[in-house]
């Protein structure tokens, strides 16, 4: 998760398409196959819905830290981003890098969590500063798409020597979260895909 948090920040800081492609290609080189599909999903679509609202996040931060709303608003004035403000206030400086993977965090996030406060407290205590920021973006649904399907298709097809149009088709045709990386980058078309030649 630390790697994705770092990638996401880097992608936010540039509008250069070539630089974004290089950042993502470098990121993919460092991952095992299980982490690639959830990362692509977040880069393309963000995460739909949210576990809690930004307003609820602020309330949780106030409860956890005993900081007044006025003081949090002052912090926001300096930061200009509510998720960033909350993340910096609750960040645990003792944690340099957590052992949570991106896919494990995404599996934990679901609307049926009975105690969001306890869940958030636990996560805030176990995540590094950058990861806390990404986690708060995920739980509030404020992660946004940072790359197009065309761009990610180019990166994947170049890396796995697969036809770009075929990768693009699979990203559009299927719920690709259900695909494995091997299925996404397989150079051979299945029967359904042959209809789109």
N, C-alpha and C. Protein backbone atom coordinates (compact mmCIF):
# COMPACT_ATOMS: atom_id res chain seq x y z
N UNK A 1 0.82 -1.20 0.00
CA UNK A 1 0.00 0.00 0.00
C UNK A 1 0.86 1.26 0.00
N UNK A 2 2.00 1.17 0.67
CA UNK A 2 2.92 2.31 0.71
C UNK A 2 3.35 2.72 -0.70
N UNK A 3 3.63 1.71 -1.54
CA UNK A 3 4.03 1.98 -2.92
C UNK A 3 2.93 2.67 -3.70
N UNK A 4 1.68 2.22 -3.52
CA UNK A 4 0.57 2.82 -4.25
C UNK A 4 0.33 4.25 -3.77
N UNK A 5 0.43 4.47 -2.45
CA UNK A 5 0.25 5.82 -1.91
C UNK A 5 1.27 6.77 -2.52
N UNK A 6 2.51 6.30 -2.63
CA UNK A 6 3.57 7.11 -3.21
C UNK A 6 3.30 7.37 -4.70
N UNK A 7 2.89 6.33 -5.42
CA UNK A 7 2.55 6.48 -6.84
C UNK A 7 1.41 7.47 -7.01
N UNK A 8 0.37 7.34 -6.21
CA UNK A 8 -0.82 8.19 -6.34
C UNK A 8 -0.45 9.66 -6.14
N UNK A 9 0.37 9.94 -5.14
CA UNK A 9 0.82 11.32 -4.90
C UNK A 9 1.62 11.84 -6.10
N UNK A 10 2.49 10.99 -6.62
CA UNK A 10 3.32 11.40 -7.76
C UNK A 10 2.45 11.69 -8.99
N UNK A 11 1.44 10.85 -9.22
CA UNK A 11 0.56 11.06 -10.37
C UNK A 11 -0.27 12.33 -10.22
N UNK A 12 -0.65 12.64 -8.99
CA UNK A 12 -1.41 13.87 -8.75
C UNK A 12 -0.58 15.12 -9.05
N UNK A 13 0.74 14.97 -8.92
CA UNK A 13 1.60 16.15 -9.04
C UNK A 13 2.05 16.44 -10.47
N UNK A 14 1.62 15.62 -11.44
CA UNK A 14 2.04 15.86 -12.82
C UNK A 14 0.87 15.74 -13.78
N UNK A 15 0.96 16.48 -14.88
CA UNK A 15 -0.04 16.35 -15.95
C UNK A 15 0.62 15.77 -17.20
N UNK A 16 1.91 15.50 -17.12
CA UNK A 16 2.66 14.98 -18.26
C UNK A 16 2.35 13.50 -18.48
N UNK A 17 1.80 13.17 -19.63
CA UNK A 17 1.37 11.79 -19.93
C UNK A 17 2.54 10.81 -19.91
N UNK A 18 3.66 11.21 -20.51
CA UNK A 18 4.83 10.32 -20.56
C UNK A 18 5.36 10.06 -19.16
N UNK A 19 5.38 11.09 -18.33
CA UNK A 19 5.86 10.91 -16.96
C UNK A 19 4.93 9.98 -16.18
N UNK A 20 3.62 10.15 -16.38
CA UNK A 20 2.66 9.27 -15.71
C UNK A 20 2.88 7.82 -16.13
N UNK A 21 3.08 7.60 -17.42
CA UNK A 21 3.31 6.24 -17.93
C UNK A 21 4.56 5.64 -17.32
N UNK A 22 5.63 6.42 -17.23
CA UNK A 22 6.88 5.94 -16.64
C UNK A 22 6.70 5.61 -15.16
N UNK A 23 5.99 6.46 -14.44
CA UNK A 23 5.74 6.21 -13.02
C UNK A 23 4.97 4.91 -12.81
N UNK A 24 3.94 4.71 -13.64
CA UNK A 24 3.11 3.49 -13.50
C UNK A 24 3.89 2.25 -13.91
N UNK A 25 4.67 2.33 -14.99
CA UNK A 25 5.47 1.18 -15.43
C UNK A 25 6.47 0.79 -14.34
N UNK A 26 7.10 1.78 -13.74
CA UNK A 26 8.06 1.52 -12.65
C UNK A 26 7.35 0.89 -11.45
N UNK A 27 6.17 1.39 -11.14
CA UNK A 27 5.37 0.85 -10.04
C UNK A 27 5.02 -0.62 -10.29
N UNK A 28 4.57 -0.93 -11.51
CA UNK A 28 4.18 -2.30 -11.84
C UNK A 28 5.34 -3.27 -11.72
N UNK A 29 6.55 -2.80 -12.00
CA UNK A 29 7.75 -3.64 -11.87
C UNK A 29 7.98 -4.11 -10.44
N UNK A 30 7.45 -3.38 -9.48
CA UNK A 30 7.72 -3.68 -8.07
C UNK A 30 6.62 -4.51 -7.41
N UNK A 31 5.60 -4.88 -8.17
CA UNK A 31 4.45 -5.56 -7.59
C UNK A 31 4.40 -7.05 -7.88
N UNK A 32 3.71 -7.79 -7.01
CA UNK A 32 3.36 -9.16 -7.38
C UNK A 32 2.03 -9.08 -8.13
N UNK A 33 1.67 -10.14 -8.81
CA UNK A 33 0.49 -10.13 -9.70
C UNK A 33 -0.81 -9.80 -8.97
N UNK A 34 -0.95 -10.22 -7.71
CA UNK A 34 -2.19 -10.00 -6.97
C UNK A 34 -2.48 -8.52 -6.72
N UNK A 35 -1.43 -7.70 -6.73
CA UNK A 35 -1.61 -6.28 -6.43
C UNK A 35 -1.91 -5.43 -7.66
N UNK A 36 -1.64 -5.97 -8.84
CA UNK A 36 -1.73 -5.17 -10.07
C UNK A 36 -3.17 -4.82 -10.43
N UNK A 37 -4.07 -5.80 -10.40
CA UNK A 37 -5.46 -5.54 -10.80
C UNK A 37 -6.14 -4.52 -9.89
N UNK A 38 -6.04 -4.65 -8.54
CA UNK A 38 -6.67 -3.62 -7.70
C UNK A 38 -6.07 -2.22 -7.94
N UNK A 39 -4.78 -2.17 -8.21
CA UNK A 39 -4.13 -0.87 -8.48
C UNK A 39 -4.67 -0.26 -9.77
N UNK A 40 -4.81 -1.07 -10.81
CA UNK A 40 -5.36 -0.58 -12.09
C UNK A 40 -6.78 -0.07 -11.88
N UNK A 41 -7.56 -0.82 -11.11
CA UNK A 41 -8.95 -0.42 -10.85
C UNK A 41 -8.99 0.97 -10.20
N UNK A 42 -8.15 1.19 -9.19
CA UNK A 42 -8.15 2.48 -8.52
C UNK A 42 -7.66 3.60 -9.44
N UNK A 43 -6.65 3.31 -10.25
CA UNK A 43 -6.12 4.33 -11.15
C UNK A 43 -7.14 4.73 -12.21
N UNK A 44 -7.94 3.77 -12.65
CA UNK A 44 -8.92 4.05 -13.71
C UNK A 44 -10.22 4.63 -13.17
N UNK A 45 -10.74 4.05 -12.13
CA UNK A 45 -12.10 4.38 -11.71
C UNK A 45 -12.20 5.00 -10.33
N UNK A 46 -11.11 4.98 -9.59
CA UNK A 46 -11.26 5.36 -8.19
C UNK A 46 -12.10 4.31 -7.50
N UNK A 47 -12.55 4.58 -6.31
CA UNK A 47 -13.38 3.62 -5.59
C UNK A 47 -14.78 4.19 -5.47
N UNK A 48 -15.75 3.45 -5.93
CA UNK A 48 -17.12 3.97 -5.88
C UNK A 48 -17.64 3.91 -4.45
N UNK A 49 -18.44 4.90 -4.11
CA UNK A 49 -19.03 4.93 -2.78
C UNK A 49 -18.02 5.30 -1.72
N UNK A 50 -18.48 5.29 -0.46
CA UNK A 50 -17.57 5.61 0.64
C UNK A 50 -18.06 4.92 1.90
N UNK A 51 -17.13 4.66 2.78
CA UNK A 51 -17.45 4.05 4.06
C UNK A 51 -18.02 5.12 5.00
N UNK A 52 -17.39 6.30 4.99
CA UNK A 52 -17.86 7.43 5.78
C UNK A 52 -17.69 8.70 4.96
N UNK A 53 -18.42 9.73 5.30
CA UNK A 53 -18.29 11.01 4.60
C UNK A 53 -17.08 11.78 5.15
N UNK A 54 -16.66 12.81 4.44
CA UNK A 54 -15.57 13.65 4.93
C UNK A 54 -15.98 14.31 6.24
N UNK A 55 -17.26 14.69 6.35
CA UNK A 55 -17.76 15.31 7.58
C UNK A 55 -17.64 14.32 8.75
N UNK A 56 -17.99 13.04 8.50
CA UNK A 56 -17.87 12.02 9.54
C UNK A 56 -16.40 11.78 9.89
N UNK A 57 -15.53 11.85 8.89
CA UNK A 57 -14.09 11.69 9.15
C UNK A 57 -13.60 12.78 10.10
N UNK A 58 -14.01 14.00 9.86
CA UNK A 58 -13.60 15.12 10.73
C UNK A 58 -14.07 14.87 12.16
N UNK A 59 -15.31 14.41 12.31
CA UNK A 59 -15.84 14.11 13.65
C UNK A 59 -15.04 13.00 14.34
N UNK A 60 -14.67 11.96 13.57
CA UNK A 60 -13.85 10.88 14.13
C UNK A 60 -12.50 11.40 14.60
N UNK A 61 -11.91 12.28 13.81
CA UNK A 61 -10.61 12.87 14.17
C UNK A 61 -10.73 13.69 15.45
N UNK A 62 -11.81 14.45 15.57
CA UNK A 62 -12.04 15.24 16.78
C UNK A 62 -12.16 14.35 18.01
N UNK A 63 -12.89 13.24 17.87
CA UNK A 63 -13.06 12.31 18.99
C UNK A 63 -11.73 11.67 19.35
N UNK A 64 -10.98 11.25 18.35
CA UNK A 64 -9.72 10.55 18.62
C UNK A 64 -8.68 11.46 19.27
N UNK A 65 -8.62 12.71 18.81
CA UNK A 65 -7.52 13.58 19.21
C UNK A 65 -7.88 14.62 20.27
N UNK A 66 -9.18 14.78 20.55
CA UNK A 66 -9.64 15.83 21.46
C UNK A 66 -9.28 17.22 20.97
N UNK A 67 -9.13 17.37 19.67
CA UNK A 67 -8.85 18.68 19.08
C UNK A 67 -10.19 19.31 18.71
N UNK A 68 -10.33 20.59 18.98
CA UNK A 68 -11.60 21.26 18.71
C UNK A 68 -11.81 21.44 17.21
N UNK A 69 -13.07 21.62 16.83
CA UNK A 69 -13.39 21.83 15.42
C UNK A 69 -12.73 23.11 14.90
N UNK A 70 -12.68 24.14 15.75
CA UNK A 70 -12.05 25.41 15.33
C UNK A 70 -10.58 25.21 15.00
N UNK A 71 -9.90 24.41 15.81
CA UNK A 71 -8.47 24.17 15.56
C UNK A 71 -8.28 23.35 14.28
N UNK A 72 -9.15 22.37 14.07
CA UNK A 72 -9.08 21.58 12.84
C UNK A 72 -9.33 22.48 11.63
N UNK A 73 -10.27 23.42 11.76
CA UNK A 73 -10.53 24.36 10.66
C UNK A 73 -9.31 25.24 10.39
N UNK A 74 -8.60 25.62 11.44
CA UNK A 74 -7.36 26.40 11.26
C UNK A 74 -6.32 25.58 10.50
N UNK A 75 -6.22 24.30 10.85
CA UNK A 75 -5.29 23.40 10.15
C UNK A 75 -5.69 23.29 8.68
N UNK A 76 -7.00 23.20 8.44
CA UNK A 76 -7.49 23.12 7.07
C UNK A 76 -7.14 24.37 6.27
N UNK A 77 -7.21 25.52 6.91
CA UNK A 77 -6.87 26.78 6.24
C UNK A 77 -5.44 26.73 5.69
N UNK A 78 -4.56 26.10 6.44
CA UNK A 78 -3.16 25.98 5.99
C UNK A 78 -3.02 24.92 4.92
N UNK A 79 -3.82 23.86 5.03
CA UNK A 79 -3.67 22.69 4.17
C UNK A 79 -4.52 22.75 2.90
N UNK A 80 -5.72 23.29 3.02
CA UNK A 80 -6.68 23.42 1.91
C UNK A 80 -7.21 22.09 1.38
N UNK A 81 -7.12 21.05 2.18
CA UNK A 81 -7.68 19.76 1.79
C UNK A 81 -8.08 19.02 3.07
N UNK A 82 -9.37 18.66 3.19
CA UNK A 82 -9.85 18.07 4.43
C UNK A 82 -9.22 16.70 4.71
N UNK A 83 -9.11 15.87 3.68
CA UNK A 83 -8.54 14.53 3.91
C UNK A 83 -7.09 14.64 4.32
N UNK A 84 -6.35 15.52 3.66
CA UNK A 84 -4.94 15.75 4.01
C UNK A 84 -4.82 16.26 5.45
N UNK A 85 -5.68 17.21 5.81
CA UNK A 85 -5.67 17.78 7.16
C UNK A 85 -5.89 16.69 8.20
N UNK A 86 -6.96 15.90 8.00
CA UNK A 86 -7.27 14.82 8.95
C UNK A 86 -6.15 13.79 9.01
N UNK A 87 -5.57 13.49 7.86
CA UNK A 87 -4.52 12.48 7.80
C UNK A 87 -3.29 12.92 8.59
N UNK A 88 -2.92 14.18 8.44
CA UNK A 88 -1.75 14.69 9.16
C UNK A 88 -1.99 14.70 10.67
N UNK A 89 -3.22 14.99 11.08
CA UNK A 89 -3.53 15.06 12.52
C UNK A 89 -3.47 13.68 13.15
N UNK A 90 -3.97 12.66 12.47
CA UNK A 90 -4.02 11.31 13.08
C UNK A 90 -2.82 10.44 12.72
N UNK A 91 -1.94 10.93 11.84
CA UNK A 91 -0.81 10.10 11.38
C UNK A 91 0.04 9.63 12.56
N UNK A 92 0.51 8.40 12.44
CA UNK A 92 1.37 7.82 13.47
C UNK A 92 2.81 7.88 12.98
N UNK A 93 3.62 8.80 13.52
CA UNK A 93 4.99 8.97 13.02
C UNK A 93 5.89 7.77 13.32
N UNK A 94 5.43 6.88 14.21
CA UNK A 94 6.23 5.69 14.53
C UNK A 94 6.20 4.65 13.41
N UNK A 95 5.20 4.75 12.54
CA UNK A 95 5.05 3.76 11.48
C UNK A 95 5.68 4.30 10.20
N UNK A 96 6.75 3.68 9.76
CA UNK A 96 7.40 4.12 8.53
C UNK A 96 6.79 3.44 7.31
N UNK A 97 6.42 2.19 7.48
CA UNK A 97 5.81 1.43 6.38
C UNK A 97 5.03 0.28 6.99
N UNK A 98 3.77 0.17 6.60
CA UNK A 98 2.95 -0.89 7.19
C UNK A 98 3.11 -2.19 6.40
N UNK A 99 2.55 -3.25 6.95
CA UNK A 99 2.58 -4.53 6.22
C UNK A 99 1.26 -4.79 5.53
N UNK A 100 0.41 -3.75 5.41
CA UNK A 100 -0.86 -3.90 4.70
C UNK A 100 -0.62 -3.74 3.20
N UNK A 101 -1.11 -4.69 2.42
CA UNK A 101 -1.03 -4.55 0.97
C UNK A 101 -2.25 -3.75 0.51
N UNK A 102 -2.18 -3.24 -0.71
CA UNK A 102 -3.32 -2.50 -1.27
C UNK A 102 -4.54 -3.41 -1.35
N UNK A 103 -4.36 -4.64 -1.82
CA UNK A 103 -5.50 -5.55 -1.98
C UNK A 103 -6.11 -5.91 -0.63
N UNK A 104 -5.28 -6.04 0.42
CA UNK A 104 -5.84 -6.38 1.74
C UNK A 104 -6.66 -5.22 2.30
N UNK A 105 -6.20 -3.99 2.09
CA UNK A 105 -6.97 -2.82 2.54
C UNK A 105 -8.30 -2.76 1.81
N UNK A 106 -8.28 -2.97 0.49
CA UNK A 106 -9.52 -2.90 -0.28
C UNK A 106 -10.51 -3.99 0.14
N UNK A 107 -9.99 -5.16 0.53
CA UNK A 107 -10.88 -6.23 1.02
C UNK A 107 -11.53 -5.84 2.34
N UNK A 108 -10.82 -5.07 3.16
CA UNK A 108 -11.35 -4.67 4.46
C UNK A 108 -12.44 -3.61 4.35
N UNK A 109 -12.40 -2.82 3.28
CA UNK A 109 -13.34 -1.71 3.13
C UNK A 109 -14.67 -2.19 2.57
N UNK A 110 -15.68 -2.22 3.38
CA UNK A 110 -17.02 -2.56 2.90
C UNK A 110 -18.03 -1.89 3.82
N UNK A 111 -19.21 -1.60 3.29
CA UNK A 111 -20.19 -0.82 4.05
C UNK A 111 -20.71 -1.50 5.32
N UNK A 112 -20.45 -2.80 5.45
CA UNK A 112 -21.01 -3.53 6.60
C UNK A 112 -20.13 -3.45 7.85
N UNK A 113 -19.10 -2.64 7.84
CA UNK A 113 -18.24 -2.53 9.03
C UNK A 113 -19.08 -2.00 10.19
N UNK A 114 -19.20 -2.76 11.28
CA UNK A 114 -20.10 -2.36 12.36
C UNK A 114 -19.60 -1.15 13.16
N UNK A 115 -18.28 -0.95 13.20
CA UNK A 115 -17.72 0.11 14.04
C UNK A 115 -16.66 0.89 13.27
N UNK A 116 -17.07 1.83 12.42
CA UNK A 116 -16.08 2.58 11.64
C UNK A 116 -15.05 3.28 12.51
N UNK A 117 -15.46 3.77 13.70
CA UNK A 117 -14.51 4.47 14.57
C UNK A 117 -13.38 3.54 15.00
N UNK A 118 -13.77 2.36 15.47
CA UNK A 118 -12.75 1.40 15.90
C UNK A 118 -11.88 0.96 14.75
N UNK A 119 -12.50 0.75 13.60
CA UNK A 119 -11.78 0.33 12.40
C UNK A 119 -10.77 1.41 11.98
N UNK A 120 -11.24 2.65 11.94
CA UNK A 120 -10.35 3.75 11.53
C UNK A 120 -9.21 3.94 12.53
N UNK A 121 -9.53 3.88 13.82
CA UNK A 121 -8.49 3.99 14.84
C UNK A 121 -7.41 2.94 14.65
N UNK A 122 -7.86 1.71 14.43
CA UNK A 122 -6.91 0.61 14.23
C UNK A 122 -6.03 0.87 13.02
N UNK A 123 -6.64 1.31 11.92
CA UNK A 123 -5.87 1.54 10.70
C UNK A 123 -4.93 2.73 10.86
N UNK A 124 -5.41 3.80 11.48
CA UNK A 124 -4.55 4.98 11.67
C UNK A 124 -3.32 4.64 12.50
N UNK A 125 -3.49 3.72 13.46
CA UNK A 125 -2.36 3.34 14.32
C UNK A 125 -1.36 2.44 13.62
N UNK A 126 -1.78 1.85 12.49
CA UNK A 126 -0.90 0.86 11.85
C UNK A 126 -0.39 1.29 10.48
N UNK A 127 -0.76 2.50 10.04
CA UNK A 127 -0.35 2.96 8.72
C UNK A 127 0.66 4.09 8.81
N UNK A 128 1.53 4.17 7.82
CA UNK A 128 2.47 5.30 7.75
C UNK A 128 1.71 6.55 7.32
N UNK A 129 2.37 7.69 7.36
CA UNK A 129 1.70 8.96 7.05
C UNK A 129 1.08 8.97 5.65
N UNK A 130 1.86 8.57 4.64
CA UNK A 130 1.35 8.53 3.27
C UNK A 130 0.21 7.55 3.11
N UNK A 131 0.31 6.42 3.78
CA UNK A 131 -0.75 5.42 3.71
C UNK A 131 -2.01 5.88 4.42
N UNK A 132 -1.85 6.62 5.51
CA UNK A 132 -3.02 7.15 6.22
C UNK A 132 -3.80 8.08 5.30
N UNK A 133 -3.08 8.90 4.56
CA UNK A 133 -3.72 9.82 3.60
C UNK A 133 -4.49 9.04 2.55
N UNK A 134 -3.88 7.99 1.99
CA UNK A 134 -4.56 7.19 0.97
C UNK A 134 -5.75 6.45 1.59
N UNK A 135 -5.57 5.89 2.75
CA UNK A 135 -6.66 5.19 3.44
C UNK A 135 -7.85 6.13 3.64
N UNK A 136 -7.60 7.35 4.10
CA UNK A 136 -8.68 8.31 4.32
C UNK A 136 -9.36 8.70 3.02
N UNK A 137 -8.61 8.75 1.93
CA UNK A 137 -9.22 9.01 0.62
C UNK A 137 -10.12 7.83 0.22
N UNK A 138 -9.68 6.62 0.51
CA UNK A 138 -10.47 5.44 0.17
C UNK A 138 -11.75 5.36 1.00
N UNK A 139 -11.66 5.63 2.29
CA UNK A 139 -12.86 5.48 3.13
C UNK A 139 -13.87 6.60 2.89
N UNK A 140 -13.41 7.74 2.38
CA UNK A 140 -14.34 8.84 2.08
C UNK A 140 -14.75 8.87 0.62
N UNK A 141 -14.20 7.95 -0.19
CA UNK A 141 -14.56 7.89 -1.61
C UNK A 141 -14.01 9.04 -2.41
N UNK A 142 -12.92 9.65 -1.96
CA UNK A 142 -12.38 10.83 -2.67
C UNK A 142 -11.17 10.49 -3.55
N UNK A 143 -10.88 9.20 -3.72
CA UNK A 143 -9.88 8.80 -4.71
C UNK A 143 -10.47 9.08 -6.08
N UNK A 144 -9.68 9.65 -6.97
CA UNK A 144 -10.22 9.95 -8.31
C UNK A 144 -9.36 9.31 -9.39
N UNK A 145 -9.93 9.06 -10.57
CA UNK A 145 -9.17 8.45 -11.66
C UNK A 145 -7.98 9.32 -12.05
N UNK A 146 -6.85 8.69 -12.33
CA UNK A 146 -5.64 9.45 -12.66
C UNK A 146 -5.03 9.07 -14.00
N UNK A 147 -5.69 8.16 -14.72
CA UNK A 147 -5.14 7.73 -16.01
C UNK A 147 -6.31 7.22 -16.86
N UNK A 148 -6.17 7.28 -18.16
CA UNK A 148 -7.25 6.80 -19.03
C UNK A 148 -7.06 5.32 -19.34
N UNK A 149 -8.11 4.70 -19.86
CA UNK A 149 -8.03 3.29 -20.27
C UNK A 149 -7.02 3.14 -21.41
N UNK A 150 -6.98 4.12 -22.30
CA UNK A 150 -6.02 4.07 -23.41
C UNK A 150 -4.59 4.06 -22.87
N UNK A 151 -4.31 4.93 -21.92
CA UNK A 151 -2.95 5.00 -21.36
C UNK A 151 -2.55 3.71 -20.65
N UNK A 152 -3.46 3.18 -19.82
CA UNK A 152 -3.11 1.95 -19.09
C UNK A 152 -2.99 0.78 -20.06
N UNK A 153 -3.78 0.78 -21.12
CA UNK A 153 -3.69 -0.28 -22.14
C UNK A 153 -2.32 -0.23 -22.81
N UNK A 154 -1.84 0.95 -23.12
CA UNK A 154 -0.51 1.11 -23.73
C UNK A 154 0.58 0.57 -22.81
N UNK A 155 0.49 0.92 -21.53
CA UNK A 155 1.51 0.49 -20.56
C UNK A 155 1.51 -1.03 -20.42
N UNK A 156 0.32 -1.62 -20.24
CA UNK A 156 0.22 -3.07 -20.05
C UNK A 156 0.63 -3.84 -21.30
N UNK A 157 0.21 -3.36 -22.47
CA UNK A 157 0.54 -4.07 -23.71
C UNK A 157 2.05 -4.02 -23.98
N UNK A 158 2.68 -2.90 -23.69
CA UNK A 158 4.13 -2.80 -23.88
C UNK A 158 4.88 -3.70 -22.89
N UNK A 159 4.41 -3.72 -21.66
CA UNK A 159 5.10 -4.49 -20.61
C UNK A 159 4.94 -5.99 -20.81
N UNK A 160 3.74 -6.43 -21.24
CA UNK A 160 3.48 -7.86 -21.37
C UNK A 160 3.37 -8.31 -22.83
N UNK A 161 3.84 -7.48 -23.74
CA UNK A 161 3.92 -7.84 -25.18
C UNK A 161 2.59 -8.38 -25.70
N UNK A 162 1.53 -7.61 -25.44
CA UNK A 162 0.18 -7.98 -25.86
C UNK A 162 -0.39 -6.86 -26.72
N UNK A 163 -1.29 -7.21 -27.60
CA UNK A 163 -1.95 -6.22 -28.45
C UNK A 163 -2.69 -5.20 -27.59
N UNK A 164 -2.40 -3.92 -27.83
CA UNK A 164 -3.01 -2.85 -27.04
C UNK A 164 -4.53 -2.83 -27.17
N UNK A 165 -5.03 -3.04 -28.36
CA UNK A 165 -6.48 -3.02 -28.57
C UNK A 165 -7.18 -4.14 -27.80
N UNK A 166 -6.49 -5.29 -27.68
CA UNK A 166 -7.06 -6.42 -26.96
C UNK A 166 -7.13 -6.13 -25.47
N UNK A 167 -6.07 -5.55 -24.92
CA UNK A 167 -6.08 -5.18 -23.50
C UNK A 167 -7.17 -4.14 -23.25
N UNK A 168 -7.26 -3.16 -24.13
CA UNK A 168 -8.28 -2.12 -24.01
C UNK A 168 -9.68 -2.74 -24.05
N UNK A 169 -9.89 -3.66 -24.97
CA UNK A 169 -11.19 -4.34 -25.09
C UNK A 169 -11.55 -5.04 -23.78
N UNK A 170 -10.59 -5.75 -23.20
CA UNK A 170 -10.86 -6.49 -21.96
C UNK A 170 -11.18 -5.55 -20.80
N UNK A 171 -10.50 -4.42 -20.76
CA UNK A 171 -10.77 -3.45 -19.70
C UNK A 171 -12.18 -2.87 -19.81
N UNK A 172 -12.69 -2.79 -21.04
CA UNK A 172 -14.02 -2.24 -21.28
C UNK A 172 -15.10 -3.33 -21.22
N UNK A 173 -14.79 -4.50 -21.78
CA UNK A 173 -15.77 -5.56 -21.95
C UNK A 173 -16.13 -6.28 -20.65
N UNK A 174 -15.13 -6.50 -19.80
CA UNK A 174 -15.34 -7.31 -18.60
C UNK A 174 -15.29 -6.45 -17.34
N UNK A 175 -15.81 -7.01 -16.26
CA UNK A 175 -15.52 -6.44 -14.94
C UNK A 175 -14.12 -6.93 -14.62
N UNK A 176 -13.14 -6.10 -14.97
CA UNK A 176 -11.77 -6.61 -14.95
C UNK A 176 -11.25 -6.88 -13.55
N UNK A 177 -11.98 -6.44 -12.50
CA UNK A 177 -11.57 -6.81 -11.14
C UNK A 177 -11.69 -8.33 -10.95
N UNK A 178 -12.53 -8.96 -11.81
CA UNK A 178 -12.71 -10.42 -11.73
C UNK A 178 -11.65 -11.16 -12.55
N UNK A 179 -10.89 -10.43 -13.36
CA UNK A 179 -9.85 -11.04 -14.18
C UNK A 179 -8.55 -11.17 -13.40
N UNK A 180 -7.75 -12.14 -13.81
CA UNK A 180 -6.39 -12.20 -13.30
C UNK A 180 -5.51 -11.40 -14.27
N UNK A 181 -4.30 -11.09 -13.86
CA UNK A 181 -3.38 -10.38 -14.75
C UNK A 181 -3.11 -11.21 -16.00
N UNK A 182 -3.00 -12.52 -15.81
CA UNK A 182 -2.74 -13.41 -16.95
C UNK A 182 -3.88 -13.33 -17.97
N UNK A 183 -5.12 -13.33 -17.49
CA UNK A 183 -6.27 -13.22 -18.40
C UNK A 183 -6.30 -11.86 -19.09
N UNK A 184 -5.93 -10.82 -18.38
CA UNK A 184 -5.95 -9.47 -18.95
C UNK A 184 -4.90 -9.30 -20.04
N UNK A 185 -3.76 -9.95 -19.87
CA UNK A 185 -2.64 -9.75 -20.81
C UNK A 185 -2.40 -10.94 -21.75
N UNK A 186 -3.28 -11.93 -21.71
CA UNK A 186 -3.15 -13.09 -22.61
C UNK A 186 -3.19 -12.61 -24.07
N UNK A 187 -2.19 -12.98 -24.88
CA UNK A 187 -2.16 -12.49 -26.27
C UNK A 187 -3.22 -13.12 -27.18
N UNK A 188 -3.88 -14.18 -26.73
CA UNK A 188 -4.86 -14.87 -27.57
C UNK A 188 -6.28 -14.43 -27.24
N UNK A 189 -7.06 -14.21 -28.28
CA UNK A 189 -8.46 -13.83 -28.11
C UNK A 189 -9.32 -15.06 -27.82
N UNK A 190 -10.27 -14.93 -26.91
CA UNK A 190 -11.22 -16.01 -26.72
C UNK A 190 -12.37 -15.83 -27.71
N UNK A 191 -13.33 -16.75 -27.69
CA UNK A 191 -14.41 -16.74 -28.69
C UNK A 191 -15.19 -15.43 -28.68
N UNK A 192 -15.51 -14.95 -27.48
CA UNK A 192 -16.26 -13.69 -27.37
C UNK A 192 -15.47 -12.52 -27.94
N UNK A 193 -14.18 -12.48 -27.67
CA UNK A 193 -13.33 -11.38 -28.14
C UNK A 193 -13.13 -11.40 -29.64
N UNK A 194 -13.23 -12.58 -30.27
CA UNK A 194 -13.10 -12.66 -31.73
C UNK A 194 -14.22 -11.92 -32.44
N UNK A 195 -15.35 -11.73 -31.75
CA UNK A 195 -16.47 -10.98 -32.35
C UNK A 195 -16.15 -9.49 -32.53
N UNK A 196 -15.09 -9.03 -31.85
CA UNK A 196 -14.75 -7.61 -31.89
C UNK A 196 -13.54 -7.31 -32.77
N UNK A 197 -13.12 -8.29 -33.57
CA UNK A 197 -11.96 -8.09 -34.45
C UNK A 197 -12.34 -7.13 -35.58
